[in-house]
Amino acid sequence: MKRIIVLLTLVSLLVPGMIFAAREKYKVVVVKNGGTIKGKVVSAEKIKDPVIPIKVKPKENPKETEIEKKTCGSTQQAMMYVLSPSNEVKNVLVIVEDVTEGMDVPKKDLNINNVGCRFEPLVGISYVKSNYIIKNSDPILHNTSLGKMLDGDARRSVYNLALPFKDQVIEKPNRVDGLIDVKCDAHYWMRSYIYSAKNPYVAVTDDKGNFEIKDLLPGKYKVRFWHEGFEEVVKDIEVKAGAATEADVTFKKAVTPAFITRINEAG
């Protein structure tokens, strides 16, 4: 058996891409006179943001049920389609893909708060080797579950954390890159989305749909525009030294995210 393992290892080293494909590591370099990608994301049409009906499961102790009803309410604005009067889209993740060299990531952790039976932030950025600071600001149990989103609506669990007490805080290291969805196993409607990055070249659009990503080395990149309620867009962008490249995007097709399916099934 040992001979087989050794043989497979040697073959994989000799034949690129065979058995185990080596992932190219990100290299931190000093970027001088780098380029910028900036732009605006809009929706092709006005889309009404849904209102989420909330059904609190009865507890053995009626007082606990009343506390949870008071904390969560009976409805909640989804805040999925946060559009300006000009249909500019907030909370779009803008991700420059397959960057192999560039600036170091910011030295900061990401706070995820369970408050009012929703997550804050709804969309955020974390960095590998930083930490998740997860807090429960509610006087009820929350169970915060982080999972990496995979192809075909699959999900690989990263953390599953029970926070039964108000103001409880759990700190966990971020070791997994990619798009992370956050759920509460105790409250089916709660969700959040985090992009876990190995480099600083990712942004979230503001309430006017604007974004800006600075200090990129000159070259050609694929830029991914992701939003839970729209079909994603990928654009080929060329970045030039010391210049800003405009990358405006229009979302043309709405989609139904998984959390809406969970709400419908719960109803």
C-alpha atoms as a PDB file:
ATOM      1  CA  MET A   1       0.000   0.000   0.000  1.00  0.00           C
ATOM      2  CA  LYS A   2       2.865   2.371   0.892  1.00  0.00           C
ATOM      3  CA  ARG A   3       4.479   1.715  -2.509  1.00  0.00           C
ATOM      4  CA  ILE A   4       1.231   2.689  -4.282  1.00  0.00           C
ATOM      5  CA  ILE A   5       0.957   5.959  -2.346  1.00  0.00           C
ATOM      6  CA  VAL A   6       4.587   6.846  -3.063  1.00  0.00           C
ATOM      7  CA  LEU A   7       4.125   6.020  -6.777  1.00  0.00           C
ATOM      8  CA  LEU A   8       0.987   8.186  -7.024  1.00  0.00           C
ATOM      9  CA  THR A   9       2.781  11.063  -5.317  1.00  0.00           C
ATOM     10  CA  LEU A  10       5.709  10.848  -7.740  1.00  0.00           C
ATOM     11  CA  VAL A  11       3.392  10.707 -10.750  1.00  0.00           C
ATOM     12  CA  SER A  12       1.432  13.738  -9.551  1.00  0.00           C
ATOM     13  CA  LEU A  13       4.667  15.704  -9.226  1.00  0.00           C
ATOM     14  CA  LEU A  14       5.856  14.672 -12.664  1.00  0.00           C
ATOM     15  CA  VAL A  15       2.573  15.252 -14.499  1.00  0.00           C
ATOM     16  CA  PRO A  16       1.182  18.755 -13.911  1.00  0.00           C
ATOM     17  CA  GLY A  17      -2.481  18.826 -12.938  1.00  0.00           C
ATOM     18  CA  MET A  18      -2.714  15.061 -12.380  1.00  0.00           C
ATOM     19  CA  ILE A  19      -4.409  13.769  -9.198  1.00  0.00           C
ATOM     20  CA  PHE A  20      -3.671  16.860  -7.093  1.00  0.00           C
ATOM     21  CA  ALA A  21      -3.614  20.211  -8.891  1.00  0.00           C
ATOM     22  CA  ALA A  22      -1.175  22.612  -7.177  1.00  0.00           C
ATOM     23  CA  ARG A  23      -2.790  25.914  -6.239  1.00  0.00           C
ATOM     24  CA  GLU A  24      -0.699  28.966  -6.968  1.00  0.00           C
ATOM     25  CA  LYS A  25      -0.113  30.967  -3.802  1.00  0.00           C
ATOM     26  CA  TYR A  26      -0.823  34.691  -3.609  1.00  0.00           C
ATOM     27  CA  LYS A  27       2.372  36.760  -3.452  1.00  0.00           C
ATOM     28  CA  VAL A  28       2.454  40.058  -1.571  1.00  0.00           C
ATOM     29  CA  VAL A  29       4.415  42.722  -3.472  1.00  0.00           C
ATOM     30  CA  VAL A  30       4.754  46.488  -3.417  1.00  0.00           C
ATOM     31  CA  VAL A  31       2.421  47.946  -6.054  1.00  0.00           C
ATOM     32  CA  LYS A  32       3.666  51.237  -7.463  1.00  0.00           C
ATOM     33  CA  ASN A  33       1.581  53.218  -9.941  1.00  0.00           C
ATOM     34  CA  GLY A  34      -1.110  50.535  -9.881  1.00  0.00           C
ATOM     35  CA  GLY A  35      -4.413  50.704 -11.665  1.00  0.00           C
ATOM     36  CA  THR A  36      -8.000  51.002 -10.441  1.00  0.00           C
ATOM     37  CA  ILE A  37     -11.281  49.356 -11.378  1.00  0.00           C
ATOM     38  CA  LYS A  38     -14.366  51.368 -10.515  1.00  0.00           C
ATOM     39  CA  GLY A  39     -17.933  51.591 -11.654  1.00  0.00           C
ATOM     40  CA  LYS A  40     -21.611  51.369 -10.881  1.00  0.00           C
ATOM     41  CA  VAL A  41     -24.064  48.480 -10.734  1.00  0.00           C
ATOM     42  CA  VAL A  42     -27.701  49.025 -11.682  1.00  0.00           C
ATOM     43  CA  SER A  43     -30.764  46.873 -12.222  1.00  0.00           C
ATOM     44  CA  ALA A  44     -32.502  46.867 -15.607  1.00  0.00           C
ATOM     45  CA  GLU A  45     -35.832  47.248 -13.803  1.00  0.00           C
ATOM     46  CA  LYS A  46     -37.283  48.211 -10.483  1.00  0.00           C
ATOM     47  CA  ILE A  47     -37.814  45.174  -8.257  1.00  0.00           C
ATOM     48  CA  LYS A  48     -39.886  45.292  -5.099  1.00  0.00           C
ATOM     49  CA  ASP A  49     -38.123  44.100  -1.983  1.00  0.00           C
ATOM     50  CA  PRO A  50     -40.063  41.217  -0.360  1.00  0.00           C
ATOM     51  CA  VAL A  51     -41.445  41.254   3.166  1.00  0.00           C
ATOM     52  CA  ILE A  52     -40.579  38.125   5.149  1.00  0.00           C
ATOM     53  CA  PRO A  53     -43.320  36.552   7.300  1.00  0.00           C
ATOM     54  CA  ILE A  54     -41.891  35.343  10.619  1.00  0.00           C
ATOM     55  CA  LYS A  55     -43.254  32.333  12.479  1.00  0.00           C
ATOM     56  CA  VAL A  56     -41.741  31.769  15.910  1.00  0.00           C
ATOM     57  CA  LYS A  57     -41.774  28.153  17.069  1.00  0.00           C
ATOM     58  CA  PRO A  58     -43.475  27.742  20.465  1.00  0.00           C
ATOM     59  CA  LYS A  59     -41.126  26.939  23.332  1.00  0.00           C
ATOM     60  CA  GLU A  60     -41.801  24.776  26.386  1.00  0.00           C
ATOM     61  CA  ASN A  61     -41.704  27.927  28.492  1.00  0.00           C
ATOM     62  CA  PRO A  62     -44.375  30.391  27.252  1.00  0.00           C
ATOM     63  CA  LYS A  63     -42.297  33.339  28.518  1.00  0.00           C
ATOM     64  CA  GLU A  64     -39.460  32.345  26.194  1.00  0.00           C
ATOM     65  CA  THR A  65     -41.896  32.265  23.280  1.00  0.00           C
ATOM     66  CA  GLU A  66     -43.089  35.788  24.079  1.00  0.00           C
ATOM     67  CA  ILE A  67     -39.521  37.094  24.366  1.00  0.00           C
ATOM     68  CA  GLU A  68     -38.677  35.615  20.970  1.00  0.00           C
ATOM     69  CA  LYS A  69     -41.816  37.079  19.361  1.00  0.00           C
ATOM     70  CA  LYS A  70     -40.979  40.476  20.793  1.00  0.00           C
ATOM     71  CA  THR A  71     -37.380  40.230  19.589  1.00  0.00           C
ATOM     72  CA  CYS A  72     -38.097  38.958  16.077  1.00  0.00           C
ATOM     73  CA  GLY A  73     -41.465  40.542  15.287  1.00  0.00           C
ATOM     74  CA  SER A  74     -44.038  39.122  12.904  1.00  0.00           C
ATOM     75  CA  THR A  75     -42.523  40.400   9.643  1.00  0.00           C
ATOM     76  CA  GLN A  76     -39.162  41.630   8.424  1.00  0.00           C
ATOM     77  CA  GLN A  77     -38.103  43.555   5.343  1.00  0.00           C
ATOM     78  CA  ALA A  78     -35.801  41.275   3.355  1.00  0.00           C
ATOM     79  CA  MET A  79     -33.409  44.092   2.331  1.00  0.00           C
ATOM     80  CA  MET A  80     -32.559  41.915  -0.669  1.00  0.00           C
ATOM     81  CA  TYR A  81     -33.347  44.476  -3.355  1.00  0.00           C
ATOM     82  CA  VAL A  82     -31.991  47.728  -1.953  1.00  0.00           C
ATOM     83  CA  LEU A  83     -32.282  49.954  -5.010  1.00  0.00           C
ATOM     84  CA  SER A  84     -31.931  53.710  -5.318  1.00  0.00           C
ATOM     85  CA  PRO A  85     -34.552  55.759  -7.240  1.00  0.00           C
ATOM     86  CA  SER A  86     -32.288  55.251 -10.282  1.00  0.00           C
ATOM     87  CA  ASN A  87     -32.190  51.447  -9.760  1.00  0.00           C
ATOM     88  CA  GLU A  88     -28.611  51.488  -8.442  1.00  0.00           C
ATOM     89  CA  VAL A  89     -27.967  48.264  -6.519  1.00  0.00           C
ATOM     90  CA  LYS A  90     -26.512  48.100  -3.018  1.00  0.00           C
ATOM     91  CA  ASN A  91     -24.681  45.059  -1.566  1.00  0.00           C
ATOM     92  CA  VAL A  92     -23.167  43.660  -4.767  1.00  0.00           C
ATOM     93  CA  LEU A  93     -19.920  41.767  -4.237  1.00  0.00           C
ATOM     94  CA  VAL A  94     -17.308  42.784  -6.826  1.00  0.00           C
ATOM     95  CA  ILE A  95     -14.503  40.221  -6.941  1.00  0.00           C
ATOM     96  CA  VAL A  96     -11.330  40.372  -9.043  1.00  0.00           C
ATOM     97  CA  GLU A  97     -10.605  36.710  -9.676  1.00  0.00           C
ATOM     98  CA  ASP A  98      -7.344  34.739  -9.911  1.00  0.00           C
ATOM     99  CA  VAL A  99      -5.089  37.555  -8.714  1.00  0.00           C
ATOM    100  CA  THR A 100      -1.645  36.050  -8.028  1.00  0.00           C
ATOM    101  CA  GLU A 101       0.314  39.145  -6.926  1.00  0.00           C
ATOM    102  CA  GLY A 102      -0.516  42.417  -5.245  1.00  0.00           C
ATOM    103  CA  MET A 103      -0.970  44.334  -2.016  1.00  0.00           C
ATOM    104  CA  ASP A 104      -1.338  42.682   1.365  1.00  0.00           C
ATOM    105  CA  VAL A 105      -4.796  42.326   2.896  1.00  0.00           C
ATOM    106  CA  PRO A 106      -6.031  44.777   5.549  1.00  0.00           C
ATOM    107  CA  LYS A 107      -5.305  43.754   9.135  1.00  0.00           C
ATOM    108  CA  LYS A 108      -8.842  43.617  10.449  1.00  0.00           C
ATOM    109  CA  ASP A 109     -11.404  41.094  11.624  1.00  0.00           C
ATOM    110  CA  LEU A 110     -15.046  40.837  10.562  1.00  0.00           C
ATOM    111  CA  ASN A 111     -17.817  41.297  13.102  1.00  0.00           C
ATOM    112  CA  ILE A 112     -21.030  39.332  12.493  1.00  0.00           C
ATOM    113  CA  ASN A 113     -23.841  40.373  14.815  1.00  0.00           C
ATOM    114  CA  ASN A 114     -27.128  38.569  15.487  1.00  0.00           C
ATOM    115  CA  VAL A 115     -29.401  41.520  16.252  1.00  0.00           C
ATOM    116  CA  GLY A 116     -33.183  41.815  15.906  1.00  0.00           C
ATOM    117  CA  CYS A 117     -33.224  38.303  14.407  1.00  0.00           C
ATOM    118  CA  ARG A 118     -31.151  39.361  11.421  1.00  0.00           C
ATOM    119  CA  PHE A 119     -27.435  39.401  10.653  1.00  0.00           C
ATOM    120  CA  GLU A 120     -25.346  42.534  10.397  1.00  0.00           C
ATOM    121  CA  PRO A 121     -23.753  43.012   7.964  1.00  0.00           C
ATOM    122  CA  LEU A 122     -25.980  41.466   5.312  1.00  0.00           C
ATOM    123  CA  VAL A 123     -23.016  41.461   2.912  1.00  0.00           C
ATOM    124  CA  GLY A 124     -19.422  41.732   4.084  1.00  0.00           C
ATOM    125  CA  ILE A 125     -15.772  41.004   3.353  1.00  0.00           C
ATOM    126  CA  SER A 126     -13.427  38.911   5.464  1.00  0.00           C
ATOM    127  CA  TYR A 127      -9.800  37.986   4.897  1.00  0.00           C
ATOM    128  CA  VAL A 128      -8.159  34.593   5.274  1.00  0.00           C
ATOM    129  CA  LYS A 129      -5.956  34.482   8.411  1.00  0.00           C
ATOM    130  CA  SER A 130      -8.096  37.139  10.096  1.00  0.00           C
ATOM    131  CA  ASN A 131     -10.906  36.280  12.530  1.00  0.00           C
ATOM    132  CA  TYR A 132     -14.669  36.127  12.607  1.00  0.00           C
ATOM    133  CA  ILE A 133     -16.061  37.889  15.696  1.00  0.00           C
ATOM    134  CA  ILE A 134     -19.591  36.511  16.085  1.00  0.00           C
ATOM    135  CA  LYS A 135     -21.931  38.140  18.615  1.00  0.00           C
ATOM    136  CA  ASN A 136     -25.464  37.553  19.844  1.00  0.00           C
ATOM    137  CA  SER A 137     -27.075  40.878  20.768  1.00  0.00           C
ATOM    138  CA  ASP A 138     -30.519  39.300  21.285  1.00  0.00           C
ATOM    139  CA  PRO A 139     -31.948  37.826  24.519  1.00  0.00           C
ATOM    140  CA  ILE A 140     -32.688  34.539  22.729  1.00  0.00           C
ATOM    141  CA  LEU A 141     -30.760  31.582  21.320  1.00  0.00           C
ATOM    142  CA  HIS A 142     -29.121  31.947  17.919  1.00  0.00           C
ATOM    143  CA  ASN A 143     -27.154  29.216  16.157  1.00  0.00           C
ATOM    144  CA  THR A 144     -24.812  30.827  13.633  1.00  0.00           C
ATOM    145  CA  SER A 145     -23.774  28.521  10.803  1.00  0.00           C
ATOM    146  CA  LEU A 146     -21.115  29.488   8.238  1.00  0.00           C
ATOM    147  CA  GLY A 147     -20.731  27.418   5.068  1.00  0.00           C
ATOM    148  CA  LYS A 148     -18.783  27.727   1.834  1.00  0.00           C
ATOM    149  CA  MET A 149     -21.090  28.011  -1.167  1.00  0.00           C
ATOM    150  CA  LEU A 150     -20.265  25.455  -3.876  1.00  0.00           C
ATOM    151  CA  ASP A 151     -21.587  24.761  -7.377  1.00  0.00           C
ATOM    152  CA  GLY A 152     -25.137  23.480  -7.749  1.00  0.00           C
ATOM    153  CA  ASP A 153     -26.412  25.013  -4.488  1.00  0.00           C
ATOM    154  CA  ALA A 154     -24.122  22.720  -2.486  1.00  0.00           C
ATOM    155  CA  ARG A 155     -22.639  23.943   0.795  1.00  0.00           C
ATOM    156  CA  ARG A 156     -19.644  22.840   2.857  1.00  0.00           C
ATOM    157  CA  SER A 157     -19.873  23.585   6.569  1.00  0.00           C
ATOM    158  CA  VAL A 158     -17.192  25.846   8.043  1.00  0.00           C
ATOM    159  CA  TYR A 159     -18.528  26.663  11.536  1.00  0.00           C
ATOM    160  CA  ASN A 160     -21.708  25.837  13.449  1.00  0.00           C
ATOM    161  CA  LEU A 161     -21.866  27.925  16.627  1.00  0.00           C
ATOM    162  CA  ALA A 162     -24.514  28.016  19.348  1.00  0.00           C
ATOM    163  CA  LEU A 163     -24.925  31.386  21.069  1.00  0.00           C
ATOM    164  CA  PRO A 164     -27.622  30.923  23.744  1.00  0.00           C
ATOM    165  CA  PHE A 165     -26.863  34.055  25.772  1.00  0.00           C
ATOM    166  CA  LYS A 166     -27.318  37.781  25.155  1.00  0.00           C
ATOM    167  CA  ASP A 167     -24.047  39.606  24.422  1.00  0.00           C
ATOM    168  CA  GLN A 168     -22.197  36.304  23.997  1.00  0.00           C
ATOM    169  CA  VAL A 169     -19.204  36.556  21.638  1.00  0.00           C
ATOM    170  CA  ILE A 170     -17.327  33.743  19.870  1.00  0.00           C
ATOM    171  CA  GLU A 171     -14.101  34.360  17.949  1.00  0.00           C
ATOM    172  CA  LYS A 172     -13.021  31.936  15.235  1.00  0.00           C
ATOM    173  CA  PRO A 173     -10.124  32.030  12.734  1.00  0.00           C
ATOM    174  CA  ASN A 174     -10.924  32.422   9.047  1.00  0.00           C
ATOM    175  CA  ARG A 175      -9.166  29.618   7.175  1.00  0.00           C
ATOM    176  CA  VAL A 176     -11.520  29.094   4.197  1.00  0.00           C
ATOM    177  CA  ASP A 177     -11.625  31.374   1.157  1.00  0.00           C
ATOM    178  CA  GLY A 178     -14.532  31.936  -1.213  1.00  0.00           C
ATOM    179  CA  LEU A 179     -18.180  32.884  -0.915  1.00  0.00           C
ATOM    180  CA  ILE A 180     -19.559  32.068   2.524  1.00  0.00           C
ATOM    181  CA  ASP A 181     -23.235  32.032   3.436  1.00  0.00           C
ATOM    182  CA  VAL A 182     -24.315  32.543   7.029  1.00  0.00           C
ATOM    183  CA  LYS A 183     -27.507  31.021   8.447  1.00  0.00           C
ATOM    184  CA  CYS A 184     -29.174  30.712  11.816  1.00  0.00           C
ATOM    185  CA  ASP A 185     -30.336  27.155  12.408  1.00  0.00           C
ATOM    186  CA  ALA A 186     -32.856  28.439  14.965  1.00  0.00           C
ATOM    187  CA  HIS A 187     -34.443  31.053  12.647  1.00  0.00           C
ATOM    188  CA  TYR A 188     -35.031  29.978   9.041  1.00  0.00           C
ATOM    189  CA  TRP A 189     -35.256  33.489   7.560  1.00  0.00           C
ATOM    190  CA  MET A 190     -31.885  34.783   8.783  1.00  0.00           C
ATOM    191  CA  ARG A 191     -29.034  34.957   6.263  1.00  0.00           C
ATOM    192  CA  SER A 192     -25.859  36.853   5.420  1.00  0.00           C
ATOM    193  CA  TYR A 193     -23.142  36.591   2.767  1.00  0.00           C
ATOM    194  CA  ILE A 194     -19.421  36.988   3.281  1.00  0.00           C
ATOM    195  CA  TYR A 195     -16.661  36.929   0.709  1.00  0.00           C
ATOM    196  CA  SER A 196     -13.536  35.473   2.291  1.00  0.00           C
ATOM    197  CA  ALA A 197     -10.555  36.805   0.348  1.00  0.00           C
ATOM    198  CA  LYS A 198      -6.840  36.023   0.128  1.00  0.00           C
ATOM    199  CA  ASN A 199      -6.147  39.472  -1.326  1.00  0.00           C
ATOM    200  CA  PRO A 200      -7.624  42.973  -0.985  1.00  0.00           C
ATOM    201  CA  TYR A 201      -9.168  43.075  -4.470  1.00  0.00           C
ATOM    202  CA  VAL A 202     -12.843  42.797  -3.570  1.00  0.00           C
ATOM    203  CA  ALA A 203     -15.498  45.404  -2.805  1.00  0.00           C
ATOM    204  CA  VAL A 204     -19.178  45.822  -1.912  1.00  0.00           C
ATOM    205  CA  THR A 205     -21.310  48.408  -3.706  1.00  0.00           C
ATOM    206  CA  ASP A 206     -22.730  51.295  -1.692  1.00  0.00           C
ATOM    207  CA  ASP A 207     -26.303  52.626  -1.710  1.00  0.00           C
ATOM    208  CA  LYS A 208     -25.612  54.336  -5.062  1.00  0.00           C
ATOM    209  CA  GLY A 209     -24.293  51.131  -6.620  1.00  0.00           C
ATOM    210  CA  ASN A 210     -20.719  52.436  -6.673  1.00  0.00           C
ATOM    211  CA  PHE A 211     -17.517  50.491  -6.070  1.00  0.00           C
ATOM    212  CA  GLU A 212     -13.780  51.077  -6.413  1.00  0.00           C
ATOM    213  CA  ILE A 213     -10.855  48.622  -6.253  1.00  0.00           C
ATOM    214  CA  LYS A 214      -7.396  50.197  -6.163  1.00  0.00           C
ATOM    215  CA  ASP A 215      -3.721  49.232  -6.468  1.00  0.00           C
ATOM    216  CA  LEU A 216      -4.000  46.445  -9.034  1.00  0.00           C
ATOM    217  CA  LEU A 217      -0.969  45.451 -11.040  1.00  0.00           C
ATOM    218  CA  PRO A 218      -1.445  46.172 -14.766  1.00  0.00           C
ATOM    219  CA  GLY A 219      -2.936  43.257 -16.667  1.00  0.00           C
ATOM    220  CA  LYS A 220      -6.100  41.503 -17.763  1.00  0.00           C
ATOM    221  CA  TYR A 221      -8.557  40.264 -15.131  1.00  0.00           C
ATOM    222  CA  LYS A 222     -11.934  38.620 -14.817  1.00  0.00           C
ATOM    223  CA  VAL A 223     -14.230  40.548 -12.491  1.00  0.00           C
ATOM    224  CA  ARG A 224     -17.223  38.798 -10.936  1.00  0.00           C
ATOM    225  CA  PHE A 225     -20.336  40.715  -9.883  1.00  0.00           C
ATOM    226  CA  TRP A 226     -22.394  38.680  -7.404  1.00  0.00           C
ATOM    227  CA  HIS A 227     -25.697  39.481  -5.703  1.00  0.00           C
ATOM    228  CA  GLU A 228     -28.102  37.060  -4.050  1.00  0.00           C
ATOM    229  CA  GLY A 229     -31.097  38.293  -6.043  1.00  0.00           C
ATOM    230  CA  PHE A 230     -29.595  38.558  -9.544  1.00  0.00           C
ATOM    231  CA  GLU A 231     -27.893  36.326 -12.073  1.00  0.00           C
ATOM    232  CA  GLU A 232     -24.190  37.043 -11.683  1.00  0.00           C
ATOM    233  CA  VAL A 233     -22.140  38.856 -14.305  1.00  0.00           C
ATOM    234  CA  VAL A 234     -18.475  38.263 -15.201  1.00  0.00           C
ATOM    235  CA  LYS A 235     -16.536  40.876 -17.181  1.00  0.00           C
ATOM    236  CA  ASP A 236     -13.072  40.864 -18.733  1.00  0.00           C
ATOM    237  CA  ILE A 237     -11.261  44.005 -17.623  1.00  0.00           C
ATOM    238  CA  GLU A 238      -7.852  45.356 -18.609  1.00  0.00           C
ATOM    239  CA  VAL A 239      -6.087  47.417 -15.972  1.00  0.00           C
ATOM    240  CA  LYS A 240      -3.440  49.947 -16.993  1.00  0.00           C
ATOM    241  CA  ALA A 241      -0.755  51.493 -14.812  1.00  0.00           C
ATOM    242  CA  GLY A 242      -1.834  54.667 -13.041  1.00  0.00           C
ATOM    243  CA  ALA A 243      -5.254  54.665 -14.719  1.00  0.00           C
ATOM    244  CA  ALA A 244      -8.847  53.990 -13.715  1.00  0.00           C
ATOM    245  CA  THR A 245     -10.846  51.499 -15.781  1.00  0.00           C
ATOM    246  CA  GLU A 246     -14.629  51.946 -15.783  1.00  0.00           C
ATOM    247  CA  ALA A 247     -16.632  48.752 -15.280  1.00  0.00           C
ATOM    248  CA  ASP A 248     -20.340  49.532 -15.167  1.00  0.00           C
ATOM    249  CA  VAL A 249     -22.752  46.595 -14.961  1.00  0.00           C
ATOM    250  CA  THR A 250     -26.486  46.165 -15.483  1.00  0.00           C
ATOM    251  CA  PHE A 251     -28.211  43.198 -13.859  1.00  0.00           C
ATOM    252  CA  LYS A 252     -30.864  41.962 -16.266  1.00  0.00           C
ATOM    253  CA  LYS A 253     -32.212  38.799 -14.633  1.00  0.00           C
ATOM    254  CA  ALA A 254     -33.513  38.288 -11.096  1.00  0.00           C
ATOM    255  CA  VAL A 255     -33.109  34.899  -9.379  1.00  0.00           C
ATOM    256  CA  THR A 256     -34.601  33.241  -6.298  1.00  0.00           C
ATOM    257  CA  PRO A 257     -31.987  32.767  -3.560  1.00  0.00           C
ATOM    258  CA  ALA A 258     -31.961  29.762  -1.256  1.00  0.00           C
ATOM    259  CA  PHE A 259     -33.202  31.671   1.774  1.00  0.00           C
ATOM    260  CA  ILE A 260     -36.458  32.541  -0.039  1.00  0.00           C
ATOM    261  CA  THR A 261     -36.938  28.818  -0.723  1.00  0.00           C
ATOM    262  CA  ARG A 262     -36.441  28.112   2.996  1.00  0.00           C
ATOM    263  CA  ILE A 263     -39.059  30.723   3.887  1.00  0.00           C
ATOM    264  CA  ASN A 264     -41.562  29.282   1.410  1.00  0.00           C
ATOM    265  CA  GLU A 265     -40.998  25.764   2.761  1.00  0.00           C
ATOM    266  CA  ALA A 266     -41.455  26.990   6.333  1.00  0.00           C
ATOM    267  CA  GLY A 267     -44.745  28.645   5.365  1.00  0.00           C
END
